Amino acid sequence: MSLQAKDQDAGWDSGNIGQERMTFDQNNIGGGVPGTLTVPTAGIDVDLSSLALVGWARFKNLDPDNIVQHGPKVAGTFHPYGRMKPGEPAQFRIDPQAVSGGTVHLKADTAACLVQVIVHND
C-alpha cells in the first residue's frame, strides 16, 4: 500500500509515505473470516464468532460507486469510525475491547455493496 497526499493550493506535499509490507504472528489458530459480504444500506453485523480474539482486519470495498462505513456496534447502536470510498481498502488491528459485547458492523451509503472482509485471530 502506498499513500501520498497533496494540497496544490497550499503548496503542501507529503511525499510518498512508502510501501508497507506487514507480517504478524497469530497467537491463536484461525481467521481469514468471513470472506466477501453483501453490505446493505441497513447495515450488516460481521460474524466473528469463530475467532478466539479478534486481531488484524482487512476490508476492501469492491463497489465502483458507493461508500461503506465500518465500526463497532454495541447495544444495538452503530458507531462508525471509518469509511471506504469505492475500491478502497482499510487495514487495521481491531481492539477486542471495542467490540466486547458487540460486533463489527458495515453499512453501505446509497446501494448495497460487495465488501471483502478478512479478520484474523490475534
N, C-alpha and C. Protein backbone atom coordinates (compact mmCIF):
# COMPACT_ATOMS: atom_id res chain seq x y z
N MET A 1 0.85 -1.15 0.00
CA MET A 1 0.00 0.00 0.00
C MET A 1 0.90 1.22 0.00
N SER A 2 0.60 2.19 -0.83
CA SER A 2 1.36 3.42 -0.90
C SER A 2 0.39 4.58 -0.71
N LEU A 3 0.84 5.64 -0.06
CA LEU A 3 -0.02 6.77 0.21
C LEU A 3 0.72 8.05 -0.04
N GLN A 4 0.09 8.98 -0.75
CA GLN A 4 0.65 10.29 -0.97
C GLN A 4 -0.48 11.30 -0.91
N ALA A 5 -0.28 12.40 -0.22
CA ALA A 5 -1.30 13.44 -0.10
C ALA A 5 -0.72 14.76 -0.58
N LYS A 6 -1.54 15.54 -1.31
CA LYS A 6 -1.10 16.84 -1.82
C LYS A 6 -2.21 17.86 -1.64
N ASP A 7 -1.79 19.11 -1.39
CA ASP A 7 -2.70 20.24 -1.42
C ASP A 7 -2.01 21.28 -2.29
N GLN A 8 -2.37 21.30 -3.58
CA GLN A 8 -1.68 22.18 -4.52
C GLN A 8 -1.89 23.64 -4.19
N ASP A 9 -3.06 24.02 -3.66
CA ASP A 9 -3.33 25.41 -3.32
C ASP A 9 -2.41 25.90 -2.20
N ALA A 10 -2.14 25.04 -1.24
CA ALA A 10 -1.29 25.42 -0.11
C ALA A 10 0.18 25.10 -0.36
N GLY A 11 0.46 24.42 -1.47
CA GLY A 11 1.83 24.04 -1.78
C GLY A 11 2.38 22.96 -0.87
N TRP A 12 1.50 22.09 -0.37
CA TRP A 12 1.89 21.06 0.57
C TRP A 12 1.91 19.70 -0.11
N ASP A 13 2.93 18.89 0.16
CA ASP A 13 3.05 17.56 -0.41
C ASP A 13 3.69 16.66 0.64
N SER A 14 3.02 15.58 0.97
CA SER A 14 3.54 14.66 1.99
C SER A 14 4.71 13.84 1.48
N GLY A 15 4.88 13.82 0.17
CA GLY A 15 5.86 12.90 -0.40
C GLY A 15 5.25 11.50 -0.35
N ASN A 16 5.93 10.54 -0.89
CA ASN A 16 5.42 9.18 -0.88
C ASN A 16 5.71 8.58 0.48
N ILE A 17 4.67 8.27 1.22
CA ILE A 17 4.83 7.70 2.56
C ILE A 17 5.45 6.31 2.47
N GLY A 18 5.27 5.65 1.34
CA GLY A 18 6.01 4.42 1.12
C GLY A 18 5.19 3.16 1.06
N GLN A 19 5.87 2.13 0.71
CA GLN A 19 5.27 0.81 0.62
C GLN A 19 5.31 0.17 2.00
N GLU A 20 4.21 -0.41 2.37
CA GLU A 20 4.14 -1.11 3.65
C GLU A 20 4.02 -2.59 3.39
N ARG A 21 4.86 -3.35 4.00
CA ARG A 21 4.73 -4.80 3.97
C ARG A 21 4.60 -5.23 5.41
N MET A 22 3.50 -5.90 5.71
CA MET A 22 3.24 -6.25 7.09
C MET A 22 3.24 -7.76 7.27
N THR A 23 3.86 -8.20 8.33
CA THR A 23 3.73 -9.59 8.76
C THR A 23 3.35 -9.55 10.23
N PHE A 24 2.63 -10.55 10.65
CA PHE A 24 2.24 -10.61 12.05
C PHE A 24 2.11 -12.06 12.47
N ASP A 25 2.29 -12.30 13.75
CA ASP A 25 2.15 -13.63 14.31
C ASP A 25 0.79 -13.74 14.98
N GLN A 26 0.11 -14.83 14.71
CA GLN A 26 -1.15 -15.11 15.39
C GLN A 26 -0.86 -16.00 16.58
N ASN A 27 -1.39 -15.65 17.73
CA ASN A 27 -1.25 -16.50 18.90
C ASN A 27 -2.26 -17.63 18.88
N ASN A 28 -3.38 -17.42 18.19
CA ASN A 28 -4.45 -18.41 18.12
C ASN A 28 -4.65 -18.85 16.68
N ILE A 29 -4.90 -20.12 16.47
CA ILE A 29 -5.18 -20.64 15.13
C ILE A 29 -6.54 -20.12 14.69
N GLY A 30 -6.66 -19.77 13.41
CA GLY A 30 -7.95 -19.37 12.87
C GLY A 30 -7.90 -17.99 12.28
N GLY A 31 -8.91 -17.73 11.51
CA GLY A 31 -9.02 -16.40 10.94
C GLY A 31 -9.14 -16.46 9.43
N GLY A 32 -9.09 -15.30 8.85
CA GLY A 32 -9.36 -15.19 7.43
C GLY A 32 -10.85 -15.30 7.18
N VAL A 33 -11.64 -14.87 8.15
CA VAL A 33 -13.09 -14.96 8.05
C VAL A 33 -13.67 -13.56 7.99
N PRO A 34 -14.86 -13.34 7.50
CA PRO A 34 -15.77 -14.32 6.91
C PRO A 34 -15.70 -14.40 5.39
N GLY A 35 -15.01 -13.48 4.70
CA GLY A 35 -14.95 -13.52 3.24
C GLY A 35 -15.66 -12.33 2.63
N THR A 36 -16.26 -12.50 1.44
CA THR A 36 -16.95 -11.41 0.76
C THR A 36 -18.40 -11.36 1.19
N LEU A 37 -18.84 -10.18 1.62
CA LEU A 37 -20.20 -9.97 2.10
C LEU A 37 -20.93 -8.96 1.24
N THR A 38 -22.25 -9.13 1.11
CA THR A 38 -23.09 -8.11 0.52
C THR A 38 -23.54 -7.22 1.67
N VAL A 39 -23.17 -5.94 1.60
CA VAL A 39 -23.47 -5.00 2.67
C VAL A 39 -24.63 -4.11 2.23
N PRO A 40 -25.78 -4.22 2.91
CA PRO A 40 -26.94 -3.41 2.54
C PRO A 40 -26.88 -2.01 3.17
N THR A 41 -27.78 -1.14 2.72
CA THR A 41 -27.85 0.21 3.30
C THR A 41 -28.34 0.18 4.74
N ALA A 42 -29.03 -0.87 5.14
CA ALA A 42 -29.45 -1.03 6.53
C ALA A 42 -28.29 -1.49 7.41
N GLY A 43 -27.24 -1.98 6.79
CA GLY A 43 -26.07 -2.45 7.52
C GLY A 43 -26.10 -3.94 7.80
N ILE A 44 -24.94 -4.47 8.18
CA ILE A 44 -24.80 -5.89 8.48
C ILE A 44 -23.75 -6.07 9.58
N ASP A 45 -24.04 -6.97 10.52
CA ASP A 45 -23.07 -7.34 11.54
C ASP A 45 -22.13 -8.40 10.95
N VAL A 46 -20.85 -8.26 11.20
CA VAL A 46 -19.85 -9.21 10.72
C VAL A 46 -19.71 -10.31 11.76
N ASP A 47 -19.92 -11.56 11.35
CA ASP A 47 -19.84 -12.69 12.28
C ASP A 47 -18.38 -13.04 12.53
N LEU A 48 -17.92 -12.74 13.73
CA LEU A 48 -16.55 -13.05 14.13
C LEU A 48 -16.52 -14.12 15.22
N SER A 49 -17.62 -14.86 15.36
CA SER A 49 -17.75 -15.82 16.45
C SER A 49 -16.76 -16.97 16.38
N SER A 50 -16.18 -17.23 15.22
CA SER A 50 -15.22 -18.33 15.11
C SER A 50 -13.82 -17.93 15.59
N LEU A 51 -13.63 -16.67 15.94
CA LEU A 51 -12.32 -16.20 16.38
C LEU A 51 -12.26 -16.15 17.90
N ALA A 52 -11.15 -16.62 18.46
CA ALA A 52 -10.97 -16.58 19.91
C ALA A 52 -10.75 -15.15 20.39
N LEU A 53 -9.98 -14.38 19.64
CA LEU A 53 -9.68 -12.99 20.00
C LEU A 53 -9.38 -12.25 18.70
N VAL A 54 -10.22 -11.27 18.36
CA VAL A 54 -10.06 -10.57 17.09
C VAL A 54 -8.70 -9.88 17.03
N GLY A 55 -8.15 -9.83 15.82
CA GLY A 55 -6.85 -9.20 15.61
C GLY A 55 -6.87 -8.35 14.36
N TRP A 56 -5.95 -8.63 13.44
CA TRP A 56 -5.83 -7.84 12.22
C TRP A 56 -7.03 -8.04 11.32
N ALA A 57 -7.45 -6.93 10.71
CA ALA A 57 -8.58 -6.94 9.78
C ALA A 57 -8.18 -6.24 8.50
N ARG A 58 -8.71 -6.75 7.39
CA ARG A 58 -8.54 -6.08 6.11
C ARG A 58 -9.90 -6.09 5.43
N PHE A 59 -10.40 -4.91 5.15
CA PHE A 59 -11.66 -4.75 4.43
C PHE A 59 -11.32 -4.13 3.07
N LYS A 60 -12.12 -4.46 2.06
CA LYS A 60 -11.98 -3.78 0.77
C LYS A 60 -13.35 -3.60 0.17
N ASN A 61 -13.69 -2.35 -0.12
CA ASN A 61 -14.95 -2.03 -0.78
C ASN A 61 -14.80 -2.38 -2.26
N LEU A 62 -15.53 -3.37 -2.73
CA LEU A 62 -15.43 -3.82 -4.11
C LEU A 62 -16.39 -3.08 -5.04
N ASP A 63 -17.18 -2.18 -4.48
CA ASP A 63 -18.17 -1.45 -5.27
C ASP A 63 -17.51 -0.30 -6.02
N PRO A 64 -17.88 -0.08 -7.30
CA PRO A 64 -17.27 1.01 -8.07
C PRO A 64 -17.88 2.38 -7.82
N ASP A 65 -19.01 2.46 -7.08
CA ASP A 65 -19.74 3.72 -6.98
C ASP A 65 -20.08 4.19 -5.57
N ASN A 66 -20.10 3.31 -4.58
CA ASN A 66 -20.68 3.65 -3.29
C ASN A 66 -19.70 3.52 -2.13
N ILE A 67 -19.98 4.28 -1.09
CA ILE A 67 -19.16 4.31 0.13
C ILE A 67 -19.70 3.30 1.15
N VAL A 68 -18.80 2.71 1.93
CA VAL A 68 -19.17 1.80 3.01
C VAL A 68 -18.55 2.30 4.31
N GLN A 69 -19.35 2.40 5.36
CA GLN A 69 -18.87 2.76 6.69
C GLN A 69 -18.57 1.50 7.48
N HIS A 70 -17.63 1.59 8.43
CA HIS A 70 -17.35 0.46 9.32
C HIS A 70 -17.08 0.96 10.72
N GLY A 71 -17.42 0.11 11.69
CA GLY A 71 -17.20 0.47 13.08
C GLY A 71 -17.87 -0.52 14.01
N PRO A 72 -17.72 -0.34 15.32
CA PRO A 72 -18.35 -1.25 16.27
C PRO A 72 -19.85 -0.97 16.39
N LYS A 73 -20.57 -2.02 16.72
CA LYS A 73 -21.99 -1.91 17.04
C LYS A 73 -22.14 -2.51 18.43
N VAL A 74 -22.51 -1.67 19.38
CA VAL A 74 -22.61 -2.09 20.78
C VAL A 74 -24.01 -1.72 21.29
N ALA A 75 -24.67 -2.67 21.92
CA ALA A 75 -26.02 -2.48 22.46
C ALA A 75 -26.96 -1.94 21.38
N GLY A 76 -26.80 -2.46 20.17
CA GLY A 76 -27.70 -2.09 19.07
C GLY A 76 -27.39 -0.77 18.39
N THR A 77 -26.36 -0.06 18.85
CA THR A 77 -26.03 1.24 18.26
C THR A 77 -24.73 1.14 17.46
N PHE A 78 -24.78 1.56 16.20
CA PHE A 78 -23.63 1.56 15.30
C PHE A 78 -22.83 2.83 15.53
N HIS A 79 -21.52 2.66 15.72
CA HIS A 79 -20.61 3.78 15.92
C HIS A 79 -19.58 3.77 14.80
N PRO A 80 -19.88 4.38 13.64
CA PRO A 80 -18.92 4.33 12.54
C PRO A 80 -17.64 5.09 12.88
N TYR A 81 -16.50 4.44 12.65
CA TYR A 81 -15.22 5.10 12.88
C TYR A 81 -14.41 5.21 11.61
N GLY A 82 -14.91 4.64 10.53
CA GLY A 82 -14.18 4.71 9.27
C GLY A 82 -15.10 4.53 8.10
N ARG A 83 -14.59 4.88 6.93
CA ARG A 83 -15.35 4.66 5.71
C ARG A 83 -14.39 4.35 4.58
N MET A 84 -14.91 3.60 3.61
CA MET A 84 -14.13 3.25 2.43
C MET A 84 -14.86 3.79 1.23
N LYS A 85 -14.16 4.59 0.45
CA LYS A 85 -14.72 5.06 -0.82
C LYS A 85 -14.67 3.89 -1.80
N PRO A 86 -15.31 4.05 -2.97
CA PRO A 86 -15.31 2.95 -3.95
C PRO A 86 -13.90 2.43 -4.24
N GLY A 87 -13.74 1.12 -4.11
CA GLY A 87 -12.47 0.47 -4.40
C GLY A 87 -11.41 0.56 -3.32
N GLU A 88 -11.67 1.29 -2.24
CA GLU A 88 -10.66 1.48 -1.21
C GLU A 88 -10.57 0.32 -0.23
N PRO A 89 -9.34 0.05 0.24
CA PRO A 89 -9.16 -0.92 1.33
C PRO A 89 -9.04 -0.20 2.67
N ALA A 90 -9.20 -0.95 3.73
CA ALA A 90 -8.93 -0.47 5.09
C ALA A 90 -8.26 -1.62 5.83
N GLN A 91 -7.13 -1.36 6.44
CA GLN A 91 -6.40 -2.40 7.16
C GLN A 91 -6.02 -1.88 8.53
N PHE A 92 -6.34 -2.64 9.56
CA PHE A 92 -6.10 -2.19 10.92
C PHE A 92 -6.24 -3.37 11.87
N ARG A 93 -5.76 -3.19 13.09
CA ARG A 93 -5.95 -4.18 14.14
C ARG A 93 -7.19 -3.77 14.93
N ILE A 94 -8.11 -4.71 15.13
CA ILE A 94 -9.31 -4.44 15.91
C ILE A 94 -8.97 -4.56 17.39
N ASP A 95 -9.35 -3.58 18.15
CA ASP A 95 -9.18 -3.63 19.61
C ASP A 95 -10.31 -4.50 20.16
N PRO A 96 -10.00 -5.64 20.78
CA PRO A 96 -11.06 -6.51 21.29
C PRO A 96 -12.03 -5.80 22.23
N GLN A 97 -11.56 -4.81 22.97
CA GLN A 97 -12.45 -4.08 23.87
C GLN A 97 -13.48 -3.26 23.11
N ALA A 98 -13.14 -2.83 21.90
CA ALA A 98 -14.06 -2.02 21.09
C ALA A 98 -15.27 -2.83 20.65
N VAL A 99 -15.11 -4.15 20.54
CA VAL A 99 -16.23 -4.98 20.10
C VAL A 99 -16.69 -5.93 21.21
N SER A 100 -16.19 -5.73 22.43
CA SER A 100 -16.63 -6.56 23.55
C SER A 100 -18.11 -6.33 23.81
N GLY A 101 -18.87 -7.39 23.78
CA GLY A 101 -20.31 -7.28 23.96
C GLY A 101 -21.01 -6.76 22.73
N GLY A 102 -20.29 -6.67 21.63
CA GLY A 102 -20.86 -6.18 20.38
C GLY A 102 -20.22 -6.86 19.20
N THR A 103 -20.17 -6.16 18.09
CA THR A 103 -19.60 -6.73 16.89
C THR A 103 -19.09 -5.62 15.99
N VAL A 104 -18.44 -6.00 14.90
CA VAL A 104 -18.08 -5.06 13.85
C VAL A 104 -19.28 -4.96 12.92
N HIS A 105 -19.58 -3.75 12.48
CA HIS A 105 -20.76 -3.50 11.64
C HIS A 105 -20.31 -2.76 10.39
N LEU A 106 -20.91 -3.11 9.26
CA LEU A 106 -20.67 -2.43 7.99
C LEU A 106 -21.99 -1.88 7.47
N LYS A 107 -21.94 -0.72 6.81
CA LYS A 107 -23.16 -0.10 6.30
C LYS A 107 -22.86 0.62 5.00
N ALA A 108 -23.60 0.27 3.94
CA ALA A 108 -23.44 0.93 2.64
C ALA A 108 -24.22 2.24 2.64
N ASP A 109 -23.75 3.22 1.86
CA ASP A 109 -24.40 4.53 1.90
C ASP A 109 -25.67 4.62 1.05
N THR A 110 -25.59 4.33 -0.25
CA THR A 110 -26.78 4.53 -1.09
C THR A 110 -27.27 3.28 -1.81
N ALA A 111 -26.44 2.26 -1.88
CA ALA A 111 -26.84 1.00 -2.52
C ALA A 111 -25.99 -0.12 -1.93
N ALA A 112 -26.52 -1.35 -1.97
CA ALA A 112 -25.78 -2.50 -1.45
C ALA A 112 -24.43 -2.62 -2.16
N CYS A 113 -23.41 -3.03 -1.40
CA CYS A 113 -22.04 -3.15 -1.93
C CYS A 113 -21.46 -4.50 -1.54
N LEU A 114 -20.59 -5.01 -2.40
CA LEU A 114 -19.79 -6.17 -2.03
C LEU A 114 -18.54 -5.66 -1.32
N VAL A 115 -18.25 -6.28 -0.16
CA VAL A 115 -17.07 -5.89 0.61
C VAL A 115 -16.33 -7.16 1.01
N GLN A 116 -15.04 -7.18 0.72
CA GLN A 116 -14.20 -8.29 1.16
C GLN A 116 -13.80 -8.01 2.60
N VAL A 117 -14.07 -8.96 3.49
CA VAL A 117 -13.80 -8.80 4.91
C VAL A 117 -12.96 -9.99 5.37
N ILE A 118 -11.74 -9.71 5.78
CA ILE A 118 -10.85 -10.74 6.27
C ILE A 118 -10.39 -10.32 7.66
N VAL A 119 -10.73 -11.12 8.68
CA VAL A 119 -10.32 -10.82 10.06
C VAL A 119 -9.62 -12.07 10.60
N HIS A 120 -8.49 -11.85 11.25
CA HIS A 120 -7.70 -12.95 11.80
C HIS A 120 -7.72 -12.93 13.32
N ASN A 121 -7.45 -14.09 13.91
CA ASN A 121 -7.21 -14.16 15.34
C ASN A 121 -5.99 -13.33 15.68
N ASP A 122 -5.96 -12.81 16.90
CA ASP A 122 -4.81 -12.03 17.34
C ASP A 122 -3.67 -12.96 17.68
